[in-house]
Structures are given as structure tokens and as C-alpha cells.
Amino acid sequence: MPRPRLCRKIRFRAKANYFKPSGIPMRNLEIVSLSHEEIEALRLKNVKNLDQNESAQKMNTSQSTFQRILSSAYQKISEALVNGKAIKIDK
């Protein structure tokens, strides 16, 4: 049985729920979903310029878990940008 997930601190709500390539209707796009955890990890690391240990502490998680969340976010965003997909931020 897997270990239960800890509550992670999320201190940010995105103003937009979707980002998409311009000129292509939403109905024609595949969607890549990002969780609030992934958005918070990106914000702390890239916008606030915190190192991974500080970011992990702010999210109430370990540094290795923070790294997994961040890697997942980078992979999803890269896929969306390279393949012309929309990005949805889950609620």
C-alpha cells in the first residue's frame, strides 16, 4: 500500500486556466494538464529564483519530491510547446 500524500502548500492561483497556440481553435488542440503543485514548483524555482531546498521547504515537501514535481512540469510544458498543444491548469 503506498504512503499517503502529504498536504503541500500552494500559495498561488493562476489567473488563467488555459494557454494555447494562437490561431488554432481550442477544439483542434490536444491538451496537456498541469497540476497546481507543478505550477507552484515552477513559480518558486523560476519566478522567485529560489533553490530547490528552499522551494521544497516552502511547499512542505522533500527536495527529491520537489525535483520530481518540477521535472514533470518541465516535461509537460516542453511537450506542449514542441508539439503545439494547449496547456490546462487543473483546479
PDB file of N, CA and C in Angstrom:
ATOM      1  N   MET A   1       0.847  -1.175   0.000  1.00  0.00           N
ATOM      2  CA  MET A   1       0.000   0.000   0.000  1.00  0.00           C
ATOM      3  C   MET A   1       0.892   1.238   0.000  1.00  0.00           C
ATOM      4  N   PRO A   2       0.654   2.183  -0.917  1.00  0.00           N
ATOM      5  CA  PRO A   2       1.516   3.361  -0.984  1.00  0.00           C
ATOM      6  C   PRO A   2       1.324   4.277   0.220  1.00  0.00           C
ATOM      7  N   ARG A   3       2.353   5.029   0.474  1.00  0.00           N
ATOM      8  CA  ARG A   3       2.307   6.004   1.551  1.00  0.00           C
ATOM      9  C   ARG A   3       1.321   7.116   1.207  1.00  0.00           C
ATOM     10  N   PRO A   4       0.539   7.608   2.165  1.00  0.00           N
ATOM     11  CA  PRO A   4      -0.403   8.696   1.855  1.00  0.00           C
ATOM     12  C   PRO A   4       0.343   9.976   1.490  1.00  0.00           C
ATOM     13  N   ARG A   5      -0.264  10.756   0.578  1.00  0.00           N
ATOM     14  CA  ARG A   5       0.344  12.015   0.147  1.00  0.00           C
ATOM     15  C   ARG A   5       0.239  13.058   1.241  1.00  0.00           C
ATOM     16  N   LEU A   6       1.291  13.817   1.399  1.00  0.00           N
ATOM     17  CA  LEU A   6       1.282  14.927   2.344  1.00  0.00           C
ATOM     18  C   LEU A   6       0.581  16.125   1.721  1.00  0.00           C
ATOM     19  N   CYS A   7       0.043  16.978   2.559  1.00  0.00           N
ATOM     20  CA  CYS A   7      -0.526  18.227   2.067  1.00  0.00           C
ATOM     21  C   CYS A   7       0.617  19.162   1.719  1.00  0.00           C
ATOM     22  N   ARG A   8       0.606  19.638   0.490  1.00  0.00           N
ATOM     23  CA  ARG A   8       1.640  20.557   0.043  1.00  0.00           C
ATOM     24  C   ARG A   8       1.091  21.970   0.058  1.00  0.00           C
ATOM     25  N   LYS A   9       1.933  22.900   0.404  1.00  0.00           N
ATOM     26  CA  LYS A   9       1.500  24.301   0.471  1.00  0.00           C
ATOM     27  C   LYS A   9       1.543  24.914  -0.921  1.00  0.00           C
ATOM     28  N   ILE A  10       0.401  25.393  -1.357  1.00  0.00           N
ATOM     29  CA  ILE A  10       0.285  26.078  -2.632  1.00  0.00           C
ATOM     30  C   ILE A  10      -0.169  27.500  -2.315  1.00  0.00           C
ATOM     31  N   ARG A  11       0.645  28.481  -2.664  1.00  0.00           N
ATOM     32  CA  ARG A  11       0.333  29.869  -2.327  1.00  0.00           C
ATOM     33  C   ARG A  11       0.066  30.713  -3.560  1.00  0.00           C
ATOM     34  N   PHE A  12      -0.335  30.065  -4.635  1.00  0.00           N
ATOM     35  CA  PHE A  12      -0.504  30.778  -5.894  1.00  0.00           C
ATOM     36  C   PHE A  12      -1.687  30.206  -6.654  1.00  0.00           C
ATOM     37  N   ARG A  13      -2.489  31.068  -7.200  1.00  0.00           N
ATOM     38  CA  ARG A  13      -3.577  30.688  -8.106  1.00  0.00           C
ATOM     39  C   ARG A  13      -3.365  31.396  -9.420  1.00  0.00           C
ATOM     40  N   ALA A  14      -3.281  30.649 -10.479  1.00  0.00           N
ATOM     41  CA  ALA A  14      -3.084  31.244 -11.805  1.00  0.00           C
ATOM     42  C   ALA A  14      -4.321  32.030 -12.205  1.00  0.00           C
ATOM     43  N   LYS A  15      -4.120  33.134 -12.890  1.00  0.00           N
ATOM     44  CA  LYS A  15      -5.244  33.961 -13.337  1.00  0.00           C
ATOM     45  C   LYS A  15      -5.924  33.352 -14.546  1.00  0.00           C
ATOM     46  N   ALA A  16      -5.199  32.551 -15.303  1.00  0.00           N
ATOM     47  CA  ALA A  16      -5.761  31.894 -16.488  1.00  0.00           C
ATOM     48  C   ALA A  16      -5.730  30.384 -16.274  1.00  0.00           C
ATOM     49  N   ASN A  17      -6.696  29.687 -16.858  1.00  0.00           N
ATOM     50  CA  ASN A  17      -6.747  28.228 -16.739  1.00  0.00           C
ATOM     51  C   ASN A  17      -6.182  27.524 -17.961  1.00  0.00           C
ATOM     52  N   TYR A  18      -6.090  28.218 -19.077  1.00  0.00           N
ATOM     53  CA  TYR A  18      -5.601  27.634 -20.321  1.00  0.00           C
ATOM     54  C   TYR A  18      -4.601  28.560 -21.001  1.00  0.00           C
ATOM     55  N   PHE A  19      -3.635  27.957 -21.678  1.00  0.00           N
ATOM     56  CA  PHE A  19      -2.730  28.658 -22.579  1.00  0.00           C
ATOM     57  C   PHE A  19      -2.690  27.828 -23.848  1.00  0.00           C
ATOM     58  N   LYS A  20      -2.749  28.503 -24.990  1.00  0.00           N
ATOM     59  CA  LYS A  20      -2.793  27.758 -26.243  1.00  0.00           C
ATOM     60  C   LYS A  20      -2.047  28.498 -27.334  1.00  0.00           C
ATOM     61  N   PRO A  21      -1.660  27.765 -28.374  1.00  0.00           N
ATOM     62  CA  PRO A  21      -1.032  28.432 -29.518  1.00  0.00           C
ATOM     63  C   PRO A  21      -2.041  29.362 -30.192  1.00  0.00           C
ATOM     64  N   SER A  22      -1.596  30.500 -30.653  1.00  0.00           N
ATOM     65  CA  SER A  22      -2.514  31.431 -31.299  1.00  0.00           C
ATOM     66  C   SER A  22      -2.887  30.936 -32.690  1.00  0.00           C
ATOM     67  N   GLY A  23      -4.071  31.287 -33.102  1.00  0.00           N
ATOM     68  CA  GLY A  23      -4.525  30.970 -34.455  1.00  0.00           C
ATOM     69  C   GLY A  23      -5.087  29.579 -34.639  1.00  0.00           C
ATOM     70  N   ILE A  24      -5.100  28.767 -33.594  1.00  0.00           N
ATOM     71  CA  ILE A  24      -5.654  27.412 -33.691  1.00  0.00           C
ATOM     72  C   ILE A  24      -6.818  27.315 -32.708  1.00  0.00           C
ATOM     73  N   PRO A  25      -8.007  26.937 -33.182  1.00  0.00           N
ATOM     74  CA  PRO A  25      -9.149  26.808 -32.270  1.00  0.00           C
ATOM     75  C   PRO A  25      -8.906  25.723 -31.207  1.00  0.00           C
ATOM     76  N   MET A  26      -9.411  25.963 -30.012  1.00  0.00           N
ATOM     77  CA  MET A  26      -9.241  25.016 -28.903  1.00  0.00           C
ATOM     78  C   MET A  26      -9.726  23.620 -29.274  1.00  0.00           C
ATOM     79  N   ARG A  27     -10.805  23.546 -30.034  1.00  0.00           N
ATOM     80  CA  ARG A  27     -11.378  22.233 -30.356  1.00  0.00           C
ATOM     81  C   ARG A  27     -10.434  21.384 -31.202  1.00  0.00           C
ATOM     82  N   ASN A  28      -9.433  22.007 -31.836  1.00  0.00           N
ATOM     83  CA  ASN A  28      -8.483  21.276 -32.674  1.00  0.00           C
ATOM     84  C   ASN A  28      -7.184  20.934 -31.948  1.00  0.00           C
ATOM     85  N   LEU A  29      -7.079  21.296 -30.679  1.00  0.00           N
ATOM     86  CA  LEU A  29      -5.835  21.102 -29.937  1.00  0.00           C
ATOM     87  C   LEU A  29      -5.923  19.957 -28.942  1.00  0.00           C
ATOM     88  N   GLU A  30      -4.823  19.246 -28.791  1.00  0.00           N
ATOM     89  CA  GLU A  30      -4.688  18.313 -27.674  1.00  0.00           C
ATOM     90  C   GLU A  30      -4.327  19.146 -26.447  1.00  0.00           C
ATOM     91  N   ILE A  31      -4.638  18.616 -25.268  1.00  0.00           N
ATOM     92  CA  ILE A  31      -4.429  19.368 -24.031  1.00  0.00           C
ATOM     93  C   ILE A  31      -3.447  18.632 -23.126  1.00  0.00           C
ATOM     94  N   VAL A  32      -2.511  19.381 -22.566  1.00  0.00           N
ATOM     95  CA  VAL A  32      -1.591  18.886 -21.547  1.00  0.00           C
ATOM     96  C   VAL A  32      -2.003  19.539 -20.234  1.00  0.00           C
ATOM     97  N   SER A  33      -2.224  18.741 -19.192  1.00  0.00           N
ATOM     98  CA  SER A  33      -2.686  19.267 -17.905  1.00  0.00           C
ATOM     99  C   SER A  33      -1.536  19.408 -16.916  1.00  0.00           C
ATOM    100  N   LEU A  34      -1.470  20.571 -16.291  1.00  0.00           N
ATOM    101  CA  LEU A  34      -0.514  20.831 -15.218  1.00  0.00           C
ATOM    102  C   LEU A  34      -1.275  20.946 -13.902  1.00  0.00           C
ATOM    103  N   SER A  35      -0.745  20.328 -12.854  1.00  0.00           N
ATOM    104  CA  SER A  35      -1.383  20.423 -11.540  1.00  0.00           C
ATOM    105  C   SER A  35      -0.958  21.723 -10.856  1.00  0.00           C
ATOM    106  N   HIS A  36      -1.670  22.091  -9.812  1.00  0.00           N
ATOM    107  CA  HIS A  36      -1.302  23.284  -9.046  1.00  0.00           C
ATOM    108  C   HIS A  36       0.073  23.103  -8.399  1.00  0.00           C
ATOM    109  N   GLU A  37       0.399  21.873  -8.015  1.00  0.00           N
ATOM    110  CA  GLU A  37       1.724  21.605  -7.455  1.00  0.00           C
ATOM    111  C   GLU A  37       2.815  21.933  -8.471  1.00  0.00           C
ATOM    112  N   GLU A  38       2.597  21.531  -9.717  1.00  0.00           N
ATOM    113  CA  GLU A  38       3.588  21.787 -10.759  1.00  0.00           C
ATOM    114  C   GLU A  38       3.732  23.279 -11.033  1.00  0.00           C
ATOM    115  N   ILE A  39       2.620  23.992 -11.063  1.00  0.00           N
ATOM    116  CA  ILE A  39       2.668  25.443 -11.274  1.00  0.00           C
ATOM    117  C   ILE A  39       3.401  26.120 -10.116  1.00  0.00           C
ATOM    118  N   GLU A  40       3.121  25.697  -8.901  1.00  0.00           N
ATOM    119  CA  GLU A  40       3.785  26.284  -7.730  1.00  0.00           C
ATOM    120  C   GLU A  40       5.286  25.995  -7.768  1.00  0.00           C
ATOM    121  N   ALA A  41       5.668  24.791  -8.150  1.00  0.00           N
ATOM    122  CA  ALA A  41       7.091  24.450  -8.250  1.00  0.00           C
ATOM    123  C   ALA A  41       7.783  25.326  -9.289  1.00  0.00           C
ATOM    124  N   LEU A  42       7.157  25.513 -10.442  1.00  0.00           N
ATOM    125  CA  LEU A  42       7.716  26.385 -11.479  1.00  0.00           C
ATOM    126  C   LEU A  42       7.846  27.825 -10.987  1.00  0.00           C
ATOM    127  N   ARG A  43       6.829  28.293 -10.289  1.00  0.00           N
ATOM    128  CA  ARG A  43       6.845  29.672  -9.773  1.00  0.00           C
ATOM    129  C   ARG A  43       7.980  29.874  -8.777  1.00  0.00           C
ATOM    130  N   LEU A  44       8.113  28.949  -7.837  1.00  0.00           N
ATOM    131  CA  LEU A  44       9.148  29.099  -6.815  1.00  0.00           C
ATOM    132  C   LEU A  44      10.549  29.019  -7.414  1.00  0.00           C
ATOM    133  N   LYS A  45      10.753  28.075  -8.320  1.00  0.00           N
ATOM    134  CA  LYS A  45      12.088  27.865  -8.892  1.00  0.00           C
ATOM    135  C   LYS A  45      12.457  28.924  -9.918  1.00  0.00           C
ATOM    136  N   ASN A  46      11.538  29.255 -10.826  1.00  0.00           N
ATOM    137  CA  ASN A  46      11.885  30.110 -11.962  1.00  0.00           C
ATOM    138  C   ASN A  46      11.489  31.570 -11.807  1.00  0.00           C
ATOM    139  N   VAL A  47      10.419  31.849 -11.095  1.00  0.00           N
ATOM    140  CA  VAL A  47       9.981  33.239 -10.926  1.00  0.00           C
ATOM    141  C   VAL A  47      10.589  33.842  -9.659  1.00  0.00           C
ATOM    142  N   LYS A  48      10.516  33.094  -8.569  1.00  0.00           N
ATOM    143  CA  LYS A  48      11.080  33.583  -7.305  1.00  0.00           C
ATOM    144  C   LYS A  48      12.584  33.335  -7.197  1.00  0.00           C
ATOM    145  N   ASN A  49      13.143  32.524  -8.111  1.00  0.00           N
ATOM    146  CA  ASN A  49      14.579  32.203  -8.141  1.00  0.00           C
ATOM    147  C   ASN A  49      15.094  31.594  -6.845  1.00  0.00           C
ATOM    148  N   LEU A  50      14.283  30.729  -6.228  1.00  0.00           N
ATOM    149  CA  LEU A  50      14.725  30.025  -5.029  1.00  0.00           C
ATOM    150  C   LEU A  50      15.444  28.753  -5.439  1.00  0.00           C
ATOM    151  N   ASP A  51      16.367  28.283  -4.583  1.00  0.00           N
ATOM    152  CA  ASP A  51      16.980  26.998  -4.903  1.00  0.00           C
ATOM    153  C   ASP A  51      16.007  25.882  -4.520  1.00  0.00           C
ATOM    154  N   GLN A  52      16.340  24.659  -4.893  1.00  0.00           N
ATOM    155  CA  GLN A  52      15.390  23.565  -4.707  1.00  0.00           C
ATOM    156  C   GLN A  52      15.102  23.282  -3.239  1.00  0.00           C
ATOM    157  N   ASN A  53      16.090  23.422  -2.370  1.00  0.00           N
ATOM    158  CA  ASN A  53      15.845  23.171  -0.948  1.00  0.00           C
ATOM    159  C   ASN A  53      14.873  24.182  -0.366  1.00  0.00           C
ATOM    160  N   GLU A  54      15.074  25.458  -0.681  1.00  0.00           N
ATOM    161  CA  GLU A  54      14.155  26.499  -0.195  1.00  0.00           C
ATOM    162  C   GLU A  54      12.750  26.289  -0.758  1.00  0.00           C
ATOM    163  N   SER A  55      12.676  25.968  -2.038  1.00  0.00           N
ATOM    164  CA  SER A  55      11.379  25.743  -2.684  1.00  0.00           C
ATOM    165  C   SER A  55      10.658  24.559  -2.056  1.00  0.00           C
ATOM    166  N   ALA A  56      11.390  23.494  -1.810  1.00  0.00           N
ATOM    167  CA  ALA A  56      10.796  22.300  -1.196  1.00  0.00           C
ATOM    168  C   ALA A  56      10.271  22.612   0.200  1.00  0.00           C
ATOM    169  N   GLN A  57      11.029  23.394   0.963  1.00  0.00           N
ATOM    170  CA  GLN A  57      10.572  23.773   2.301  1.00  0.00           C
ATOM    171  C   GLN A  57       9.289  24.594   2.221  1.00  0.00           C
ATOM    172  N   LYS A  58       9.217  25.527   1.275  1.00  0.00           N
ATOM    173  CA  LYS A  58       8.015  26.360   1.136  1.00  0.00           C
ATOM    174  C   LYS A  58       6.803  25.524   0.740  1.00  0.00           C
ATOM    175  N   MET A  59       7.026  24.437  -0.005  1.00  0.00           N
ATOM    176  CA  MET A  59       5.920  23.571  -0.409  1.00  0.00           C
ATOM    177  C   MET A  59       5.657  22.454   0.597  1.00  0.00           C
ATOM    178  N   ASN A  60       6.444  22.386   1.661  1.00  0.00           N
ATOM    179  CA  ASN A  60       6.277  21.374   2.697  1.00  0.00           C
ATOM    180  C   ASN A  60       6.485  19.964   2.131  1.00  0.00           C
ATOM    181  N   THR A  61       7.576  19.807   1.389  1.00  0.00           N
ATOM    182  CA  THR A  61       7.885  18.514   0.795  1.00  0.00           C
ATOM    183  C   THR A  61       9.404  18.321   0.805  1.00  0.00           C
ATOM    184  N   SER A  62       9.846  17.128   0.453  1.00  0.00           N
ATOM    185  CA  SER A  62      11.282  16.866   0.401  1.00  0.00           C
ATOM    186  C   SER A  62      11.866  17.424  -0.889  1.00  0.00           C
ATOM    187  N   GLN A  63      13.181  17.579  -0.896  1.00  0.00           N
ATOM    188  CA  GLN A  63      13.848  18.102  -2.085  1.00  0.00           C
ATOM    189  C   GLN A  63      13.697  17.135  -3.253  1.00  0.00           C
ATOM    190  N   SER A  64      13.750  15.848  -2.998  1.00  0.00           N
ATOM    191  CA  SER A  64      13.623  14.872  -4.094  1.00  0.00           C
ATOM    192  C   SER A  64      12.212  14.866  -4.674  1.00  0.00           C
ATOM    193  N   THR A  65      11.205  15.021  -3.836  1.00  0.00           N
ATOM    194  CA  THR A  65       9.833  15.099  -4.328  1.00  0.00           C
ATOM    195  C   THR A  65       9.638  16.388  -5.123  1.00  0.00           C
ATOM    196  N   PHE A  66      10.198  17.482  -4.631  1.00  0.00           N
ATOM    197  CA  PHE A  66      10.121  18.743  -5.364  1.00  0.00           C
ATOM    198  C   PHE A  66      10.741  18.587  -6.743  1.00  0.00           C
ATOM    199  N   GLN A  67      11.893  17.915  -6.828  1.00  0.00           N
ATOM    200  CA  GLN A  67      12.564  17.695  -8.107  1.00  0.00           C
ATOM    201  C   GLN A  67      11.686  16.881  -9.053  1.00  0.00           C
ATOM    202  N   ARG A  68      10.996  15.876  -8.546  1.00  0.00           N
ATOM    203  CA  ARG A  68      10.090  15.074  -9.389  1.00  0.00           C
ATOM    204  C   ARG A  68       8.932  15.915  -9.904  1.00  0.00           C
ATOM    205  N   ILE A  69       8.372  16.760  -9.060  1.00  0.00           N
ATOM    206  CA  ILE A  69       7.269  17.646  -9.469  1.00  0.00           C
ATOM    207  C   ILE A  69       7.759  18.608 -10.549  1.00  0.00           C
ATOM    208  N   LEU A  70       8.922  19.207 -10.333  1.00  0.00           N
ATOM    209  CA  LEU A  70       9.493  20.157 -11.278  1.00  0.00           C
ATOM    210  C   LEU A  70       9.817  19.485 -12.614  1.00  0.00           C
ATOM    211  N   SER A  71      10.393  18.304 -12.574  1.00  0.00           N
ATOM    212  CA  SER A  71      10.708  17.570 -13.811  1.00  0.00           C
ATOM    213  C   SER A  71       9.458  17.238 -14.595  1.00  0.00           C
ATOM    214  N   SER A  72       8.412  16.850 -13.897  1.00  0.00           N
ATOM    215  CA  SER A  72       7.135  16.547 -14.553  1.00  0.00           C
ATOM    216  C   SER A  72       6.577  17.789 -15.238  1.00  0.00           C
ATOM    217  N   ALA A  73       6.651  18.931 -14.563  1.00  0.00           N
ATOM    218  CA  ALA A  73       6.161  20.193 -15.144  1.00  0.00           C
ATOM    219  C   ALA A  73       6.969  20.574 -16.377  1.00  0.00           C
ATOM    220  N   TYR A  74       8.296  20.470 -16.296  1.00  0.00           N
ATOM    221  CA  TYR A  74       9.141  20.790 -17.449  1.00  0.00           C
ATOM    222  C   TYR A  74       8.818  19.890 -18.639  1.00  0.00           C
ATOM    223  N   GLN A  75       8.626  18.612 -18.371  1.00  0.00           N
ATOM    224  CA  GLN A  75       8.330  17.665 -19.447  1.00  0.00           C
ATOM    225  C   GLN A  75       7.005  18.006 -20.131  1.00  0.00           C
ATOM    226  N   LYS A  76       5.986  18.310 -19.336  1.00  0.00           N
ATOM    227  CA  LYS A  76       4.673  18.634 -19.894  1.00  0.00           C
ATOM    228  C   LYS A  76       4.702  19.931 -20.693  1.00  0.00           C
ATOM    229  N   ILE A  77       5.368  20.948 -20.174  1.00  0.00           N
ATOM    230  CA  ILE A  77       5.443  22.225 -20.880  1.00  0.00           C
ATOM    231  C   ILE A  77       6.245  22.070 -22.174  1.00  0.00           C
ATOM    232  N   SER A  78       7.320  21.329 -22.114  1.00  0.00           N
ATOM    233  CA  SER A  78       8.124  21.092 -23.320  1.00  0.00           C
ATOM    234  C   SER A  78       7.313  20.375 -24.386  1.00  0.00           C
ATOM    235  N   GLU A  79       6.552  19.367 -23.975  1.00  0.00           N
ATOM    236  CA  GLU A  79       5.701  18.639 -24.925  1.00  0.00           C
ATOM    237  C   GLU A  79       4.688  19.580 -25.571  1.00  0.00           C
ATOM    238  N   ALA A  80       4.072  20.437 -24.768  1.00  0.00           N
ATOM    239  CA  ALA A  80       3.072  21.370 -25.295  1.00  0.00           C
ATOM    240  C   ALA A  80       3.697  22.360 -26.271  1.00  0.00           C
ATOM    241  N   LEU A  81       4.855  22.893 -25.942  1.00  0.00           N
ATOM    242  CA  LEU A  81       5.497  23.880 -26.814  1.00  0.00           C
ATOM    243  C   LEU A  81       5.989  23.254 -28.114  1.00  0.00           C
ATOM    244  N   VAL A  82       6.615  22.113 -28.020  1.00  0.00           N
ATOM    245  CA  VAL A  82       7.191  21.472 -29.208  1.00  0.00           C
ATOM    246  C   VAL A  82       6.111  20.928 -30.138  1.00  0.00           C
ATOM    247  N   ASN A  83       5.052  20.368 -29.549  1.00  0.00           N
ATOM    248  CA  ASN A  83       4.007  19.717 -30.352  1.00  0.00           C
ATOM    249  C   ASN A  83       2.774  20.583 -30.574  1.00  0.00           C
ATOM    250  N   GLY A  84       2.790  21.843 -30.162  1.00  0.00           N
ATOM    251  CA  GLY A  84       1.679  22.746 -30.393  1.00  0.00           C
ATOM    252  C   GLY A  84       0.410  22.350 -29.682  1.00  0.00           C
ATOM    253  N   LYS A  85       0.524  21.999 -28.406  1.00  0.00           N
ATOM    254  CA  LYS A  85      -0.643  21.599 -27.602  1.00  0.00           C
ATOM    255  C   LYS A  85      -1.036  22.728 -26.649  1.00  0.00           C
ATOM    256  N   ALA A  86      -2.276  22.684 -26.198  1.00  0.00           N
ATOM    257  CA  ALA A  86      -2.745  23.637 -25.194  1.00  0.00           C
ATOM    258  C   ALA A  86      -2.307  23.163 -23.820  1.00  0.00           C
ATOM    259  N   ILE A  87      -2.155  24.105 -22.888  1.00  0.00           N
ATOM    260  CA  ILE A  87      -1.796  23.791 -21.503  1.00  0.00           C
ATOM    261  C   ILE A  87      -2.986  24.169 -20.631  1.00  0.00           C
ATOM    262  N   LYS A  88      -3.475  23.196 -19.877  1.00  0.00           N
ATOM    263  CA  LYS A  88      -4.574  23.417 -18.939  1.00  0.00           C
ATOM    264  C   LYS A  88      -4.034  23.339 -17.524  1.00  0.00           C
ATOM    265  N   ILE A  89      -4.434  24.289 -16.692  1.00  0.00           N
ATOM    266  CA  ILE A  89      -4.059  24.259 -15.278  1.00  0.00           C
ATOM    267  C   ILE A  89      -5.233  23.690 -14.507  1.00  0.00           C
ATOM    268  N   ASP A  90      -5.037  22.508 -13.920  1.00  0.00           N
ATOM    269  CA  ASP A  90      -6.112  21.835 -13.183  1.00  0.00           C
ATOM    270  C   ASP A  90      -6.482  22.606 -11.943  1.00  0.00           C
ATOM    271  N   LYS A  91      -7.734  22.472 -11.547  1.00  0.00           N
ATOM    272  CA  LYS A  91      -8.199  23.118 -10.323  1.00  0.00           C
ATOM    273  C   LYS A  91      -8.103  22.192  -9.155  1.00  0.00           C
TER     274      LYS A  91
END
